[in-house]
Amino acid sequence: MANSRYEYVKQFEKENYLLQDCYIIIRVDGKSFHKFSSHYNFNKPNDEKALEVMNLTAEKIMNKYDDILMAYGDSDEYSFLLRKSCSLFDRREMKLITLFSSLMSCYYIYYWQKLIGQLDEDHLPLFDARAILYPNFNLVRDYFSWRQVDCHINNLYNTTFWNLVKLGLTPQESEKKLMGTISSDKHEILFKECDINYNNEPEMFKKGTILVKQFDNYEMQSNNLTIRQKQRYDKKLKKQSIIVKYHNDIINDNEWWNNKPWLKD
């Protein structure tokens, strides 16, 4: 494009390039999803169809980009782990977060209408995104542990809250009853008053959903390969990858992580 006297306005554009040699996690959150779920009358405390829409959306996004190795989601959020050497959009932060938020919104609409039905144009799903950098994999593990702990705390509370409402309490009465309670109190309320053993609740509700890009024959002895051979091997692995869904405890299960060394890039 030819230069013009107006091109100086580009100088006002500022790019933030994410630090090299760090893991990137993009967390995508639903915007005003409380209103969205109320409008479409989600089942409480968990709407399985809506969660499946989220999972299909995240899986579709993972399939589009080789740099996404893992994703964790529950409720209206998903966190995507990008490989340490990711060069997507030259690691430009604004490009990455707008890409992920727009993909999440578009594919969510697609799968919602495919699985559930039409959407009201005044009540469409919207997502925002943020990018977080972690310099080592221990921090990455702690991040995903944090998200799973958050899933457990929220689900236990919501399961107890909504089952008390189903018993006849108003939302205000249910909230007051749960004020100041700890985890064991909620388990006891569910068991004694609602006839529910929380341990028997679906694992997806309690632990969220983990999507992992898994590679066949990863254990091949690649350490002795030349750099060019290693690059060819990595490309071959990418083509052989499949996405596997888990509802596991990723907080305490070291073996689960140890069996997936490729996540460390």
C-alpha atoms as a PDB file:
ATOM      1  CA  MET A   1       0.000   0.000   0.000  1.00  0.00           C
ATOM      2  CA  ALA A   2       1.304   3.431  -0.934  1.00  0.00           C
ATOM      3  CA  ASN A   3       2.233   5.765   1.877  1.00  0.00           C
ATOM      4  CA  SER A   4      -0.031   8.694   2.557  1.00  0.00           C
ATOM      5  CA  ARG A   5       0.116  11.737   4.753  1.00  0.00           C
ATOM      6  CA  TYR A   6      -2.437  10.066   7.045  1.00  0.00           C
ATOM      7  CA  GLU A   7      -0.347   7.016   7.756  1.00  0.00           C
ATOM      8  CA  TYR A   8       1.224   8.705  10.785  1.00  0.00           C
ATOM      9  CA  VAL A   9      -1.867   7.677  12.814  1.00  0.00           C
ATOM     10  CA  LYS A  10      -0.463   4.136  12.931  1.00  0.00           C
ATOM     11  CA  GLN A  11       2.101   5.423  15.404  1.00  0.00           C
ATOM     12  CA  PHE A  12      -0.662   5.500  18.017  1.00  0.00           C
ATOM     13  CA  GLU A  13      -1.094   1.728  17.800  1.00  0.00           C
ATOM     14  CA  LYS A  14       0.779  -0.115  20.523  1.00  0.00           C
ATOM     15  CA  GLU A  15       1.506  -3.827  20.562  1.00  0.00           C
ATOM     16  CA  ASN A  16       2.267  -5.899  23.644  1.00  0.00           C
ATOM     17  CA  TYR A  17       4.413  -8.880  22.705  1.00  0.00           C
ATOM     18  CA  LEU A  18       4.195 -11.657  25.280  1.00  0.00           C
ATOM     19  CA  LEU A  19       7.535 -12.665  26.779  1.00  0.00           C
ATOM     20  CA  GLN A  20       9.376 -15.449  24.971  1.00  0.00           C
ATOM     21  CA  ASP A  21      10.113 -18.842  26.550  1.00  0.00           C
ATOM     22  CA  CYS A  22       7.058 -18.682  28.816  1.00  0.00           C
ATOM     23  CA  TYR A  23       3.910 -20.773  28.794  1.00  0.00           C
ATOM     24  CA  ILE A  24       0.834 -18.849  27.681  1.00  0.00           C
ATOM     25  CA  ILE A  25      -2.569 -19.566  29.182  1.00  0.00           C
ATOM     26  CA  ILE A  26      -5.586 -17.906  27.604  1.00  0.00           C
ATOM     27  CA  ARG A  27      -8.600 -17.889  29.920  1.00  0.00           C
ATOM     28  CA  VAL A  28     -11.943 -17.240  28.253  1.00  0.00           C
ATOM     29  CA  ASP A  29     -14.913 -16.235  30.419  1.00  0.00           C
ATOM     30  CA  GLY A  30     -18.590 -15.824  29.649  1.00  0.00           C
ATOM     31  CA  LYS A  31     -19.819 -12.236  29.885  1.00  0.00           C
ATOM     32  CA  SER A  32     -23.037 -11.736  31.886  1.00  0.00           C
ATOM     33  CA  PHE A  33     -23.704 -15.469  31.759  1.00  0.00           C
ATOM     34  CA  HIS A  34     -25.951 -15.238  34.818  1.00  0.00           C
ATOM     35  CA  LYS A  35     -28.463 -13.308  32.709  1.00  0.00           C
ATOM     36  CA  PHE A  36     -27.849 -15.595  29.745  1.00  0.00           C
ATOM     37  CA  SER A  37     -28.503 -18.763  31.779  1.00  0.00           C
ATOM     38  CA  SER A  38     -31.621 -17.241  33.347  1.00  0.00           C
ATOM     39  CA  HIS A  39     -33.027 -16.228  29.961  1.00  0.00           C
ATOM     40  CA  TYR A  40     -32.573 -19.749  28.550  1.00  0.00           C
ATOM     41  CA  ASN A  41     -33.695 -21.420  31.774  1.00  0.00           C
ATOM     42  CA  PHE A  42     -30.584 -23.498  32.464  1.00  0.00           C
ATOM     43  CA  ASN A  43     -31.059 -26.528  34.696  1.00  0.00           C
ATOM     44  CA  LYS A  44     -29.721 -25.831  38.188  1.00  0.00           C
ATOM     45  CA  PRO A  45     -27.155 -26.448  39.568  1.00  0.00           C
ATOM     46  CA  ASN A  46     -25.670 -27.805  36.314  1.00  0.00           C
ATOM     47  CA  ASP A  47     -27.002 -27.829  32.788  1.00  0.00           C
ATOM     48  CA  GLU A  48     -25.398 -30.805  31.069  1.00  0.00           C
ATOM     49  CA  LYS A  49     -26.306 -29.697  27.539  1.00  0.00           C
ATOM     50  CA  ALA A  50     -24.849 -26.235  28.072  1.00  0.00           C
ATOM     51  CA  LEU A  51     -21.642 -27.775  29.442  1.00  0.00           C
ATOM     52  CA  GLU A  52     -21.446 -30.029  26.390  1.00  0.00           C
ATOM     53  CA  VAL A  53     -21.714 -26.942  24.163  1.00  0.00           C
ATOM     54  CA  MET A  54     -18.735 -25.452  26.039  1.00  0.00           C
ATOM     55  CA  ASN A  55     -16.737 -28.667  25.681  1.00  0.00           C
ATOM     56  CA  LEU A  56     -17.421 -29.007  21.959  1.00  0.00           C
ATOM     57  CA  THR A  57     -16.483 -25.364  21.447  1.00  0.00           C
ATOM     58  CA  ALA A  58     -13.175 -25.769  23.295  1.00  0.00           C
ATOM     59  CA  GLU A  59     -12.372 -28.969  21.407  1.00  0.00           C
ATOM     60  CA  LYS A  60     -13.021 -27.245  18.082  1.00  0.00           C
ATOM     61  CA  ILE A  61     -10.659 -24.407  19.010  1.00  0.00           C
ATOM     62  CA  MET A  62      -7.965 -26.904  20.064  1.00  0.00           C
ATOM     63  CA  ASN A  63      -8.230 -28.688  16.739  1.00  0.00           C
ATOM     64  CA  LYS A  64      -7.620 -25.450  14.845  1.00  0.00           C
ATOM     65  CA  TYR A  65      -4.228 -24.666  16.366  1.00  0.00           C
ATOM     66  CA  ASP A  66      -1.286 -26.997  16.971  1.00  0.00           C
ATOM     67  CA  ASP A  67       0.043 -24.695  19.688  1.00  0.00           C
ATOM     68  CA  ILE A  68      -2.849 -25.520  22.052  1.00  0.00           C
ATOM     69  CA  LEU A  69      -1.859 -28.585  24.080  1.00  0.00           C
ATOM     70  CA  MET A  70      -4.448 -28.638  26.867  1.00  0.00           C
ATOM     71  CA  ALA A  71      -7.634 -26.940  28.014  1.00  0.00           C
ATOM     72  CA  TYR A  72      -9.596 -26.965  31.267  1.00  0.00           C
ATOM     73  CA  GLY A  73     -13.165 -25.788  31.639  1.00  0.00           C
ATOM     74  CA  ASP A  74     -16.150 -25.632  33.929  1.00  0.00           C
ATOM     75  CA  SER A  75     -19.290 -23.517  34.020  1.00  0.00           C
ATOM     76  CA  ASP A  76     -18.814 -20.624  31.540  1.00  0.00           C
ATOM     77  CA  GLU A  77     -15.020 -20.512  31.354  1.00  0.00           C
ATOM     78  CA  TYR A  78     -12.189 -22.347  29.610  1.00  0.00           C
ATOM     79  CA  SER A  79      -8.425 -22.045  30.004  1.00  0.00           C
ATOM     80  CA  PHE A  80      -6.161 -22.974  27.080  1.00  0.00           C
ATOM     81  CA  LEU A  81      -2.501 -23.918  27.499  1.00  0.00           C
ATOM     82  CA  LEU A  82      -0.275 -22.856  24.601  1.00  0.00           C
ATOM     83  CA  ARG A  83       3.114 -24.449  24.169  1.00  0.00           C
ATOM     84  CA  LYS A  84       6.129 -22.607  25.518  1.00  0.00           C
ATOM     85  CA  SER A  85       7.501 -22.074  22.017  1.00  0.00           C
ATOM     86  CA  CYS A  86       4.203 -20.762  20.633  1.00  0.00           C
ATOM     87  CA  SER A  87       4.708 -18.158  17.891  1.00  0.00           C
ATOM     88  CA  LEU A  88       1.046 -17.690  16.937  1.00  0.00           C
ATOM     89  CA  PHE A  89       0.566 -14.052  15.848  1.00  0.00           C
ATOM     90  CA  ASP A  90       4.166 -13.463  16.981  1.00  0.00           C
ATOM     91  CA  ARG A  91       2.813 -13.709  20.556  1.00  0.00           C
ATOM     92  CA  ARG A  92       0.927 -10.406  20.212  1.00  0.00           C
ATOM     93  CA  GLU A  93      -1.364 -10.249  23.235  1.00  0.00           C
ATOM     94  CA  MET A  94      -4.277  -8.318  21.672  1.00  0.00           C
ATOM     95  CA  LYS A  95      -4.347 -10.619  18.643  1.00  0.00           C
ATOM     96  CA  LEU A  96      -4.433 -13.720  20.845  1.00  0.00           C
ATOM     97  CA  ILE A  97      -7.129 -12.612  23.280  1.00  0.00           C
ATOM     98  CA  THR A  98      -9.411 -11.242  20.558  1.00  0.00           C
ATOM     99  CA  LEU A  99      -8.931 -14.433  18.549  1.00  0.00           C
ATOM    100  CA  PHE A 100      -9.884 -16.706  21.447  1.00  0.00           C
ATOM    101  CA  SER A 101     -12.835 -14.631  22.623  1.00  0.00           C
ATOM    102  CA  SER A 102     -14.287 -14.381  19.112  1.00  0.00           C
ATOM    103  CA  LEU A 103     -13.748 -18.091  18.379  1.00  0.00           C
ATOM    104  CA  MET A 104     -15.419 -19.017  21.666  1.00  0.00           C
ATOM    105  CA  SER A 105     -18.433 -16.820  20.901  1.00  0.00           C
ATOM    106  CA  CYS A 106     -18.826 -18.022  17.307  1.00  0.00           C
ATOM    107  CA  TYR A 107     -18.446 -21.740  17.944  1.00  0.00           C
ATOM    108  CA  TYR A 108     -20.601 -21.582  21.080  1.00  0.00           C
ATOM    109  CA  ILE A 109     -23.425 -20.123  19.005  1.00  0.00           C
ATOM    110  CA  TYR A 110     -22.896 -22.807  16.344  1.00  0.00           C
ATOM    111  CA  TYR A 111     -22.995 -25.746  18.770  1.00  0.00           C
ATOM    112  CA  TRP A 112     -25.822 -24.248  20.828  1.00  0.00           C
ATOM    113  CA  GLN A 113     -28.044 -24.024  17.766  1.00  0.00           C
ATOM    114  CA  LYS A 114     -26.975 -27.514  16.694  1.00  0.00           C
ATOM    115  CA  LEU A 115     -27.613 -29.178  20.068  1.00  0.00           C
ATOM    116  CA  ILE A 116     -30.232 -27.011  21.754  1.00  0.00           C
ATOM    117  CA  GLY A 117     -32.027 -24.622  19.410  1.00  0.00           C
ATOM    118  CA  GLN A 118     -32.296 -21.064  18.170  1.00  0.00           C
ATOM    119  CA  LEU A 119     -30.878 -18.092  20.032  1.00  0.00           C
ATOM    120  CA  ASP A 120     -32.594 -14.781  20.655  1.00  0.00           C
ATOM    121  CA  GLU A 121     -30.679 -11.981  18.917  1.00  0.00           C
ATOM    122  CA  ASP A 122     -30.955  -9.854  22.079  1.00  0.00           C
ATOM    123  CA  HIS A 123     -29.524 -12.643  24.257  1.00  0.00           C
ATOM    124  CA  LEU A 124     -26.422 -13.944  22.506  1.00  0.00           C
ATOM    125  CA  PRO A 125     -23.436 -15.515  24.320  1.00  0.00           C
ATOM    126  CA  LEU A 126     -20.398 -13.274  24.644  1.00  0.00           C
ATOM    127  CA  PHE A 127     -16.922 -14.103  25.943  1.00  0.00           C
ATOM    128  CA  ASP A 128     -13.910 -12.073  26.974  1.00  0.00           C
ATOM    129  CA  ALA A 129     -10.350 -13.329  27.330  1.00  0.00           C
ATOM    130  CA  ARG A 130      -7.093 -12.646  29.103  1.00  0.00           C
ATOM    131  CA  ALA A 131      -3.538 -13.915  28.614  1.00  0.00           C
ATOM    132  CA  ILE A 132      -1.352 -15.068  31.518  1.00  0.00           C
ATOM    133  CA  LEU A 133       2.343 -15.971  31.318  1.00  0.00           C
ATOM    134  CA  TYR A 134       4.064 -18.617  33.447  1.00  0.00           C
ATOM    135  CA  PRO A 135       7.845 -19.156  33.296  1.00  0.00           C
ATOM    136  CA  ASN A 136       7.843 -22.801  34.454  1.00  0.00           C
ATOM    137  CA  PHE A 137       5.574 -25.828  34.372  1.00  0.00           C
ATOM    138  CA  ASN A 138       5.110 -26.067  38.136  1.00  0.00           C
ATOM    139  CA  LEU A 139       3.256 -22.759  37.955  1.00  0.00           C
ATOM    140  CA  VAL A 140       1.176 -24.084  35.062  1.00  0.00           C
ATOM    141  CA  ARG A 141       0.164 -27.076  37.202  1.00  0.00           C
ATOM    142  CA  ASP A 142      -0.710 -24.803  40.101  1.00  0.00           C
ATOM    143  CA  TYR A 143      -2.818 -22.660  37.787  1.00  0.00           C
ATOM    144  CA  PHE A 144      -4.929 -25.608  36.643  1.00  0.00           C
ATOM    145  CA  SER A 145      -5.130 -26.879  40.239  1.00  0.00           C
ATOM    146  CA  TRP A 146      -6.474 -23.468  41.244  1.00  0.00           C
ATOM    147  CA  ARG A 147      -9.167 -23.623  38.558  1.00  0.00           C
ATOM    148  CA  GLN A 148     -10.195 -27.141  39.628  1.00  0.00           C
ATOM    149  CA  VAL A 149     -10.358 -26.127  43.302  1.00  0.00           C
ATOM    150  CA  ASP A 150     -12.557 -23.213  42.249  1.00  0.00           C
ATOM    151  CA  CYS A 151     -14.784 -25.620  40.292  1.00  0.00           C
ATOM    152  CA  HIS A 152     -15.182 -27.870  43.356  1.00  0.00           C
ATOM    153  CA  ILE A 153     -15.978 -25.018  45.741  1.00  0.00           C
ATOM    154  CA  ASN A 154     -18.551 -23.451  43.402  1.00  0.00           C
ATOM    155  CA  ASN A 155     -20.191 -26.739  42.481  1.00  0.00           C
ATOM    156  CA  LEU A 156     -20.534 -27.923  46.070  1.00  0.00           C
ATOM    157  CA  TYR A 157     -22.116 -24.619  47.052  1.00  0.00           C
ATOM    158  CA  ASN A 158     -24.444 -24.482  44.036  1.00  0.00           C
ATOM    159  CA  THR A 159     -25.485 -28.130  44.426  1.00  0.00           C
ATOM    160  CA  THR A 160     -26.416 -27.528  48.058  1.00  0.00           C
ATOM    161  CA  PHE A 161     -28.045 -24.157  47.366  1.00  0.00           C
ATOM    162  CA  TRP A 162     -30.296 -25.299  44.531  1.00  0.00           C
ATOM    163  CA  ASN A 163     -31.317 -28.540  46.209  1.00  0.00           C
ATOM    164  CA  LEU A 164     -32.421 -26.552  49.254  1.00  0.00           C
ATOM    165  CA  VAL A 165     -34.458 -24.350  46.917  1.00  0.00           C
ATOM    166  CA  LYS A 166     -36.029 -27.483  45.412  1.00  0.00           C
ATOM    167  CA  LEU A 167     -37.025 -28.521  48.949  1.00  0.00           C
ATOM    168  CA  GLY A 168     -39.029 -25.303  49.292  1.00  0.00           C
ATOM    169  CA  LEU A 169     -36.605 -22.705  50.653  1.00  0.00           C
ATOM    170  CA  THR A 170     -36.462 -19.334  48.939  1.00  0.00           C
ATOM    171  CA  PRO A 171     -33.107 -18.351  47.421  1.00  0.00           C
ATOM    172  CA  GLN A 172     -32.664 -15.873  50.283  1.00  0.00           C
ATOM    173  CA  GLU A 173     -33.383 -18.557  52.903  1.00  0.00           C
ATOM    174  CA  SER A 174     -31.014 -20.992  51.196  1.00  0.00           C
ATOM    175  CA  GLU A 175     -28.256 -18.387  51.069  1.00  0.00           C
ATOM    176  CA  LYS A 176     -28.744 -17.577  54.751  1.00  0.00           C
ATOM    177  CA  LYS A 177     -28.644 -21.270  55.712  1.00  0.00           C
ATOM    178  CA  LEU A 178     -25.336 -21.776  53.918  1.00  0.00           C
ATOM    179  CA  MET A 179     -23.705 -18.618  55.257  1.00  0.00           C
ATOM    180  CA  GLY A 180     -20.576 -19.526  57.216  1.00  0.00           C
ATOM    181  CA  THR A 181     -20.720 -23.244  56.377  1.00  0.00           C
ATOM    182  CA  ILE A 182     -17.629 -25.227  55.402  1.00  0.00           C
ATOM    183  CA  SER A 183     -17.305 -28.145  52.966  1.00  0.00           C
ATOM    184  CA  SER A 184     -18.227 -30.852  55.506  1.00  0.00           C
ATOM    185  CA  ASP A 185     -21.344 -28.888  56.535  1.00  0.00           C
ATOM    186  CA  LYS A 186     -22.578 -28.789  52.961  1.00  0.00           C
ATOM    187  CA  HIS A 187     -21.956 -32.519  52.529  1.00  0.00           C
ATOM    188  CA  GLU A 188     -24.000 -33.160  55.655  1.00  0.00           C
ATOM    189  CA  ILE A 189     -26.862 -30.895  54.557  1.00  0.00           C
ATOM    190  CA  LEU A 190     -27.011 -32.636  51.171  1.00  0.00           C
ATOM    191  CA  PHE A 191     -26.952 -36.101  52.744  1.00  0.00           C
ATOM    192  CA  LYS A 192     -29.367 -35.548  55.637  1.00  0.00           C
ATOM    193  CA  GLU A 193     -31.796 -33.026  54.179  1.00  0.00           C
ATOM    194  CA  CYS A 194     -31.659 -33.658  50.428  1.00  0.00           C
ATOM    195  CA  ASP A 195     -30.855 -37.393  50.400  1.00  0.00           C
ATOM    196  CA  ILE A 196     -27.873 -36.739  48.123  1.00  0.00           C
ATOM    197  CA  ASN A 197     -24.390 -38.210  48.476  1.00  0.00           C
ATOM    198  CA  TYR A 198     -22.201 -35.553  46.861  1.00  0.00           C
ATOM    199  CA  ASN A 199     -19.517 -38.138  46.111  1.00  0.00           C
ATOM    200  CA  ASN A 200     -21.930 -39.771  43.660  1.00  0.00           C
ATOM    201  CA  GLU A 201     -22.460 -36.592  41.649  1.00  0.00           C
ATOM    202  CA  PRO A 202     -21.111 -36.681  38.040  1.00  0.00           C
ATOM    203  CA  GLU A 203     -17.356 -36.186  37.864  1.00  0.00           C
ATOM    204  CA  MET A 204     -17.745 -33.501  35.181  1.00  0.00           C
ATOM    205  CA  PHE A 205     -19.710 -31.365  37.642  1.00  0.00           C
ATOM    206  CA  LYS A 206     -17.256 -31.870  40.512  1.00  0.00           C
ATOM    207  CA  LYS A 207     -13.943 -31.727  38.645  1.00  0.00           C
ATOM    208  CA  GLY A 208     -14.653 -29.918  35.388  1.00  0.00           C
ATOM    209  CA  THR A 209     -13.454 -31.075  31.970  1.00  0.00           C
ATOM    210  CA  ILE A 210      -9.828 -31.512  30.912  1.00  0.00           C
ATOM    211  CA  LEU A 211      -9.038 -31.738  27.202  1.00  0.00           C
ATOM    212  CA  VAL A 212      -5.564 -32.956  26.283  1.00  0.00           C
ATOM    213  CA  LYS A 213      -3.985 -33.153  22.863  1.00  0.00           C
ATOM    214  CA  GLN A 214      -2.516 -36.640  23.027  1.00  0.00           C
ATOM    215  CA  PHE A 215       0.164 -38.061  20.733  1.00  0.00           C
ATOM    216  CA  ASP A 216       0.689 -41.698  19.809  1.00  0.00           C
ATOM    217  CA  ASN A 217       4.202 -43.115  20.154  1.00  0.00           C
ATOM    218  CA  TYR A 218       5.451 -40.042  21.988  1.00  0.00           C
ATOM    219  CA  GLU A 219       7.891 -42.143  23.973  1.00  0.00           C
ATOM    220  CA  MET A 220      10.022 -42.670  20.855  1.00  0.00           C
ATOM    221  CA  GLN A 221      13.677 -42.029  21.650  1.00  0.00           C
ATOM    222  CA  SER A 222      13.949 -38.598  20.038  1.00  0.00           C
ATOM    223  CA  ASN A 223      16.767 -37.208  22.163  1.00  0.00           C
ATOM    224  CA  ASN A 224      19.414 -38.532  19.779  1.00  0.00           C
ATOM    225  CA  LEU A 225      17.832 -37.014  16.680  1.00  0.00           C
ATOM    226  CA  THR A 226      19.299 -34.002  14.890  1.00  0.00           C
ATOM    227  CA  ILE A 227      17.422 -30.709  15.132  1.00  0.00           C
ATOM    228  CA  ARG A 228      16.028 -31.131  11.606  1.00  0.00           C
ATOM    229  CA  GLN A 229      14.954 -34.727  12.328  1.00  0.00           C
ATOM    230  CA  LYS A 230      13.352 -33.582  15.573  1.00  0.00           C
ATOM    231  CA  GLN A 231      11.384 -30.890  13.717  1.00  0.00           C
ATOM    232  CA  ARG A 232      10.111 -33.478  11.225  1.00  0.00           C
ATOM    233  CA  TYR A 233       9.218 -35.784  14.104  1.00  0.00           C
ATOM    234  CA  ASP A 234       7.300 -33.011  15.867  1.00  0.00           C
ATOM    235  CA  LYS A 235       5.325 -32.253  12.685  1.00  0.00           C
ATOM    236  CA  LYS A 236       4.471 -35.940  12.355  1.00  0.00           C
ATOM    237  CA  LEU A 237       3.300 -36.012  15.972  1.00  0.00           C
ATOM    238  CA  LYS A 238       1.013 -33.044  15.410  1.00  0.00           C
ATOM    239  CA  LYS A 239      -0.718 -34.827  12.564  1.00  0.00           C
ATOM    240  CA  GLN A 240      -1.190 -37.937  14.726  1.00  0.00           C
ATOM    241  CA  SER A 241      -2.660 -36.089  17.694  1.00  0.00           C
ATOM    242  CA  ILE A 242      -6.108 -36.738  19.103  1.00  0.00           C
ATOM    243  CA  ILE A 243      -7.982 -34.855  21.805  1.00  0.00           C
ATOM    244  CA  VAL A 244      -8.823 -36.916  24.880  1.00  0.00           C
ATOM    245  CA  LYS A 245     -11.389 -35.807  27.455  1.00  0.00           C
ATOM    246  CA  TYR A 246     -10.845 -36.340  31.190  1.00  0.00           C
ATOM    247  CA  HIS A 247     -12.757 -35.598  34.379  1.00  0.00           C
ATOM    248  CA  ASN A 248      -9.853 -36.459  36.668  1.00  0.00           C
ATOM    249  CA  ASP A 249      -8.323 -35.053  39.812  1.00  0.00           C
ATOM    250  CA  ILE A 250      -5.414 -33.047  38.404  1.00  0.00           C
ATOM    251  CA  ILE A 251      -4.519 -31.505  41.760  1.00  0.00           C
ATOM    252  CA  ASN A 252      -3.096 -34.541  43.552  1.00  0.00           C
ATOM    253  CA  ASP A 253      -2.557 -37.054  40.750  1.00  0.00           C
ATOM    254  CA  ASN A 254       1.121 -36.725  39.837  1.00  0.00           C
ATOM    255  CA  GLU A 255       0.932 -39.802  37.622  1.00  0.00           C
ATOM    256  CA  TRP A 256      -1.664 -38.120  35.415  1.00  0.00           C
ATOM    257  CA  TRP A 257       0.785 -35.318  34.684  1.00  0.00           C
ATOM    258  CA  ASN A 258       3.860 -37.548  34.473  1.00  0.00           C
ATOM    259  CA  ASN A 259       2.214 -39.607  31.725  1.00  0.00           C
ATOM    260  CA  LYS A 260       1.943 -36.507  29.512  1.00  0.00           C
ATOM    261  CA  PRO A 261       5.505 -35.159  29.197  1.00  0.00           C
ATOM    262  CA  TRP A 262       4.709 -33.350  25.936  1.00  0.00           C
ATOM    263  CA  LEU A 263       2.671 -30.794  27.906  1.00  0.00           C
ATOM    264  CA  LYS A 264       5.973 -29.443  29.188  1.00  0.00           C
ATOM    265  CA  ASP A 265       6.965 -28.765  25.562  1.00  0.00           C
END
